[in-house]
N, C-alpha and C. Protein backbone atom coordinates (compact mmCIF):
# COMPACT_ATOMS: atom_id res chain seq x y z
N MET A 1 128.17 90.12 132.61
CA MET A 1 128.33 88.78 132.14
C MET A 1 127.02 88.00 132.17
N LYS A 2 126.20 88.26 133.20
CA LYS A 2 124.92 87.58 133.28
C LYS A 2 124.01 87.97 132.12
N LYS A 3 124.08 89.25 131.76
CA LYS A 3 123.22 89.73 130.67
C LYS A 3 123.61 89.06 129.35
N LYS A 4 124.90 88.89 129.14
CA LYS A 4 125.38 88.25 127.91
C LYS A 4 124.93 86.79 127.86
N ASN A 5 125.03 86.09 128.99
CA ASN A 5 124.59 84.70 129.03
C ASN A 5 123.09 84.58 128.78
N ARG A 6 122.33 85.51 129.33
CA ARG A 6 120.88 85.50 129.13
C ARG A 6 120.53 85.69 127.66
N ILE A 7 121.20 86.65 127.02
CA ILE A 7 120.95 86.90 125.59
C ILE A 7 121.33 85.67 124.77
N LEU A 8 122.46 85.05 125.10
CA LEU A 8 122.88 83.85 124.36
C LEU A 8 121.87 82.71 124.54
N LYS A 9 121.30 82.59 125.74
CA LYS A 9 120.29 81.55 125.96
C LYS A 9 119.05 81.81 125.11
N PHE A 10 118.61 83.07 125.03
CA PHE A 10 117.44 83.40 124.20
C PHE A 10 117.72 83.12 122.73
N VAL A 11 118.92 83.47 122.28
CA VAL A 11 119.28 83.21 120.88
C VAL A 11 119.31 81.70 120.63
N TRP A 12 119.88 80.94 121.56
CA TRP A 12 119.95 79.49 121.42
C TRP A 12 118.56 78.86 121.36
N VAL A 13 117.66 79.29 122.26
CA VAL A 13 116.30 78.77 122.25
C VAL A 13 115.60 79.12 120.95
N GLY A 14 115.80 80.35 120.47
CA GLY A 14 115.20 80.76 119.20
C GLY A 14 115.70 79.93 118.04
N LEU A 15 117.00 79.65 118.01
CA LEU A 15 117.55 78.82 116.93
C LEU A 15 117.03 77.39 117.00
N VAL A 16 116.89 76.85 118.20
CA VAL A 16 116.36 75.50 118.34
C VAL A 16 114.92 75.43 117.85
N ILE A 17 114.12 76.44 118.21
CA ILE A 17 112.72 76.46 117.77
C ILE A 17 112.63 76.60 116.26
N LEU A 18 113.44 77.48 115.69
CA LEU A 18 113.37 77.70 114.24
C LEU A 18 113.97 76.55 113.44
N SER A 19 114.84 75.76 114.05
CA SER A 19 115.47 74.68 113.30
C SER A 19 114.62 73.41 113.24
N ARG A 20 113.52 73.39 113.95
CA ARG A 20 112.64 72.22 113.90
C ARG A 20 112.00 72.09 112.54
N VAL A 21 111.74 70.89 112.14
CA VAL A 21 111.10 70.64 110.85
C VAL A 21 109.62 70.40 111.11
N TYR A 22 108.79 71.18 110.46
CA TYR A 22 107.35 71.05 110.61
C TYR A 22 106.77 70.50 109.32
N PRO A 23 105.95 69.45 109.39
CA PRO A 23 105.37 68.90 108.17
C PRO A 23 104.29 69.85 107.60
N VAL A 24 104.28 69.94 106.30
CA VAL A 24 103.30 70.76 105.62
C VAL A 24 102.50 69.85 104.70
N TYR A 25 101.19 69.86 104.87
CA TYR A 25 100.33 69.00 104.08
C TYR A 25 99.66 69.84 102.99
N ALA A 26 99.83 69.44 101.77
CA ALA A 26 99.24 70.14 100.66
C ALA A 26 97.84 69.60 100.39
N ALA A 27 96.98 70.47 99.90
CA ALA A 27 95.63 70.05 99.55
C ALA A 27 95.66 69.36 98.19
N ASN A 28 94.61 68.61 97.93
CA ASN A 28 94.53 67.93 96.64
C ASN A 28 94.28 68.91 95.50
N ASP A 29 93.54 69.97 95.79
CA ASP A 29 93.18 70.95 94.77
C ASP A 29 93.99 72.23 94.98
N PRO A 30 94.92 72.54 94.07
CA PRO A 30 95.73 73.74 94.27
C PRO A 30 94.91 75.03 94.20
N LEU A 31 93.79 75.00 93.49
CA LEU A 31 92.95 76.20 93.40
C LEU A 31 92.34 76.55 94.75
N SER A 32 92.00 75.54 95.55
CA SER A 32 91.45 75.82 96.87
C SER A 32 92.50 76.46 97.79
N VAL A 33 93.76 76.08 97.61
CA VAL A 33 94.84 76.69 98.40
C VAL A 33 94.96 78.17 98.05
N VAL A 34 94.91 78.48 96.77
CA VAL A 34 94.99 79.88 96.33
C VAL A 34 93.79 80.67 96.83
N ASN A 35 92.61 80.08 96.78
CA ASN A 35 91.41 80.76 97.28
C ASN A 35 91.49 81.00 98.78
N ASN A 36 92.01 80.03 99.53
CA ASN A 36 92.16 80.22 100.97
C ASN A 36 93.15 81.33 101.28
N LEU A 37 94.26 81.38 100.55
CA LEU A 37 95.23 82.45 100.74
C LEU A 37 94.63 83.80 100.38
N SER A 38 93.87 83.83 99.30
CA SER A 38 93.21 85.07 98.88
C SER A 38 92.22 85.55 99.94
N ASN A 39 91.44 84.64 100.49
CA ASN A 39 90.49 85.01 101.54
C ASN A 39 91.21 85.52 102.78
N PHE A 40 92.33 84.88 103.12
CA PHE A 40 93.11 85.32 104.28
C PHE A 40 93.67 86.73 104.08
N LEU A 41 94.25 86.98 102.90
CA LEU A 41 94.82 88.30 102.63
C LEU A 41 93.74 89.38 102.58
N PHE A 42 92.61 89.07 101.97
CA PHE A 42 91.54 90.06 101.94
C PHE A 42 90.95 90.29 103.32
N GLY A 43 91.00 89.29 104.19
CA GLY A 43 90.57 89.48 105.58
C GLY A 43 91.48 90.46 106.31
N ILE A 44 92.79 90.34 106.06
CA ILE A 44 93.73 91.28 106.67
C ILE A 44 93.51 92.68 106.12
N ILE A 45 93.29 92.79 104.81
CA ILE A 45 93.06 94.10 104.20
C ILE A 45 91.78 94.71 104.75
N ARG A 46 90.75 93.91 104.95
CA ARG A 46 89.49 94.40 105.51
C ARG A 46 89.70 94.92 106.93
N ALA A 47 90.51 94.21 107.72
CA ALA A 47 90.79 94.66 109.09
C ALA A 47 91.52 95.99 109.09
N VAL A 48 92.48 96.15 108.20
CA VAL A 48 93.20 97.43 108.09
C VAL A 48 92.24 98.54 107.69
N GLY A 49 91.33 98.27 106.76
CA GLY A 49 90.35 99.26 106.35
C GLY A 49 89.43 99.67 107.47
N LEU A 50 89.00 98.71 108.27
CA LEU A 50 88.13 99.03 109.41
C LEU A 50 88.87 99.86 110.46
N ILE A 51 90.14 99.53 110.70
CA ILE A 51 90.93 100.33 111.64
C ILE A 51 91.10 101.74 111.12
N MET A 52 91.36 101.88 109.83
CA MET A 52 91.53 103.21 109.23
C MET A 52 90.23 104.01 109.29
N THR A 53 89.11 103.36 109.05
CA THR A 53 87.81 104.03 109.15
C THR A 53 87.54 104.50 110.57
N GLY A 54 87.83 103.63 111.53
CA GLY A 54 87.64 104.00 112.94
C GLY A 54 88.53 105.17 113.33
N PHE A 55 89.78 105.17 112.85
CA PHE A 55 90.68 106.28 113.15
C PHE A 55 90.18 107.56 112.51
N GLY A 56 89.63 107.47 111.30
CA GLY A 56 89.07 108.66 110.64
C GLY A 56 87.88 109.22 111.41
N ILE A 57 87.04 108.34 111.93
CA ILE A 57 85.89 108.80 112.74
C ILE A 57 86.38 109.49 114.01
N LEU A 58 87.41 108.91 114.62
CA LEU A 58 88.00 109.54 115.82
C LEU A 58 88.57 110.91 115.48
N GLN A 59 89.28 111.03 114.36
CA GLN A 59 89.82 112.31 113.93
C GLN A 59 88.71 113.32 113.67
N PHE A 60 87.62 112.86 113.07
CA PHE A 60 86.52 113.76 112.78
C PHE A 60 85.91 114.31 114.06
N GLY A 61 85.73 113.45 115.05
CA GLY A 61 85.21 113.91 116.34
C GLY A 61 86.13 114.91 117.00
N MET A 62 87.43 114.66 116.91
CA MET A 62 88.39 115.60 117.50
C MET A 62 88.42 116.91 116.74
N SER A 63 88.20 116.88 115.43
CA SER A 63 88.20 118.12 114.66
C SER A 63 86.96 118.95 114.96
N LEU A 64 85.84 118.30 115.27
CA LEU A 64 84.65 119.05 115.66
C LEU A 64 84.88 119.76 116.99
N LYS A 65 85.61 119.11 117.88
CA LYS A 65 85.88 119.69 119.19
C LYS A 65 86.85 120.87 119.08
N SER A 66 87.86 120.74 118.20
CA SER A 66 88.88 121.79 118.11
C SER A 66 88.57 122.83 117.03
N HIS A 67 87.48 122.66 116.28
CA HIS A 67 87.08 123.59 115.21
C HIS A 67 88.20 123.77 114.17
N ASP A 68 88.80 122.65 113.76
CA ASP A 68 89.90 122.69 112.80
C ASP A 68 89.42 122.14 111.45
N PRO A 69 89.21 123.04 110.46
CA PRO A 69 88.69 122.56 109.17
C PRO A 69 89.66 121.66 108.39
N SER A 70 90.97 121.89 108.51
CA SER A 70 91.91 121.05 107.76
C SER A 70 91.93 119.63 108.33
N GLN A 71 91.82 119.52 109.65
CA GLN A 71 91.76 118.20 110.26
C GLN A 71 90.44 117.50 109.90
N ARG A 72 89.39 118.27 109.75
CA ARG A 72 88.10 117.70 109.36
C ARG A 72 88.19 117.14 107.94
N ALA A 73 88.85 117.86 107.05
CA ALA A 73 89.01 117.38 105.67
C ALA A 73 89.86 116.12 105.63
N ASN A 74 90.94 116.11 106.40
CA ASN A 74 91.80 114.91 106.44
C ASN A 74 91.06 113.73 107.03
N SER A 75 90.22 113.97 108.02
CA SER A 75 89.47 112.86 108.62
C SER A 75 88.45 112.29 107.64
N MET A 76 87.83 113.16 106.86
CA MET A 76 86.88 112.66 105.85
C MET A 76 87.60 111.81 104.80
N LEU A 77 88.82 112.23 104.42
CA LEU A 77 89.60 111.43 103.47
C LEU A 77 89.97 110.08 104.08
N SER A 78 90.29 110.07 105.37
CA SER A 78 90.61 108.81 106.05
C SER A 78 89.39 107.89 106.10
N ILE A 79 88.24 108.46 106.37
CA ILE A 79 87.02 107.66 106.44
C ILE A 79 86.69 107.05 105.08
N VAL A 80 86.74 107.87 104.03
CA VAL A 80 86.43 107.39 102.68
C VAL A 80 87.46 106.36 102.23
N GLY A 81 88.75 106.64 102.50
CA GLY A 81 89.79 105.68 102.14
C GLY A 81 89.64 104.37 102.88
N GLY A 82 89.28 104.43 104.16
CA GLY A 82 89.07 103.22 104.95
C GLY A 82 87.90 102.40 104.43
N ILE A 83 86.83 103.08 104.02
CA ILE A 83 85.67 102.37 103.47
C ILE A 83 86.04 101.69 102.16
N ILE A 84 86.81 102.38 101.32
CA ILE A 84 87.23 101.80 100.05
C ILE A 84 88.13 100.59 100.30
N ILE A 85 89.06 100.71 101.26
CA ILE A 85 89.94 99.58 101.57
C ILE A 85 89.15 98.42 102.16
N THR A 86 88.14 98.73 102.99
CA THR A 86 87.33 97.68 103.60
C THR A 86 86.60 96.86 102.55
N PHE A 87 86.10 97.49 101.52
CA PHE A 87 85.33 96.79 100.50
C PHE A 87 86.13 96.53 99.22
N THR A 88 87.44 96.35 99.35
CA THR A 88 88.30 96.11 98.19
C THR A 88 87.90 94.84 97.44
N LYS A 89 87.63 93.76 98.17
CA LYS A 89 87.30 92.49 97.50
C LYS A 89 86.01 92.62 96.70
N GLU A 90 85.01 93.27 97.29
CA GLU A 90 83.75 93.44 96.57
C GLU A 90 83.92 94.35 95.36
N ILE A 91 84.74 95.38 95.48
CA ILE A 91 84.97 96.28 94.35
C ILE A 91 85.67 95.53 93.23
N LEU A 92 86.70 94.73 93.57
CA LEU A 92 87.39 93.97 92.54
C LEU A 92 86.50 92.93 91.89
N ASN A 93 85.62 92.29 92.66
CA ASN A 93 84.67 91.33 92.08
C ASN A 93 83.68 92.02 91.16
N ALA A 94 83.26 93.24 91.51
CA ALA A 94 82.33 93.97 90.63
C ALA A 94 83.01 94.38 89.33
N ILE A 95 84.30 94.76 89.42
CA ILE A 95 85.01 95.16 88.21
C ILE A 95 85.30 93.94 87.32
N ALA A 96 85.74 92.84 87.94
CA ALA A 96 86.10 91.65 87.17
C ALA A 96 84.88 90.93 86.62
N GLY A 97 83.76 91.09 87.30
CA GLY A 97 82.52 90.50 86.81
C GLY A 97 82.26 89.17 87.34
């Protein structure tokens, strides 16, 4: 019974927090809002690319230790893919001109 009451309290607190009304202030220039969102999303994509590159480097080091050529090939693909993901914004800007 105590566990059920505890869960109900957490649900109640969550509903109270989510039911609050938070004011949202819009910018005067809608284009700046879109640019800020774009920069934020590309920042997240860049972080994912850096994590993927780091994981590929870790895999490559482990493949050198275990002498596994298939793992070495997969790690190189991870490294190259991570680098491409990291520089997605620059690649798109170069293509778009």
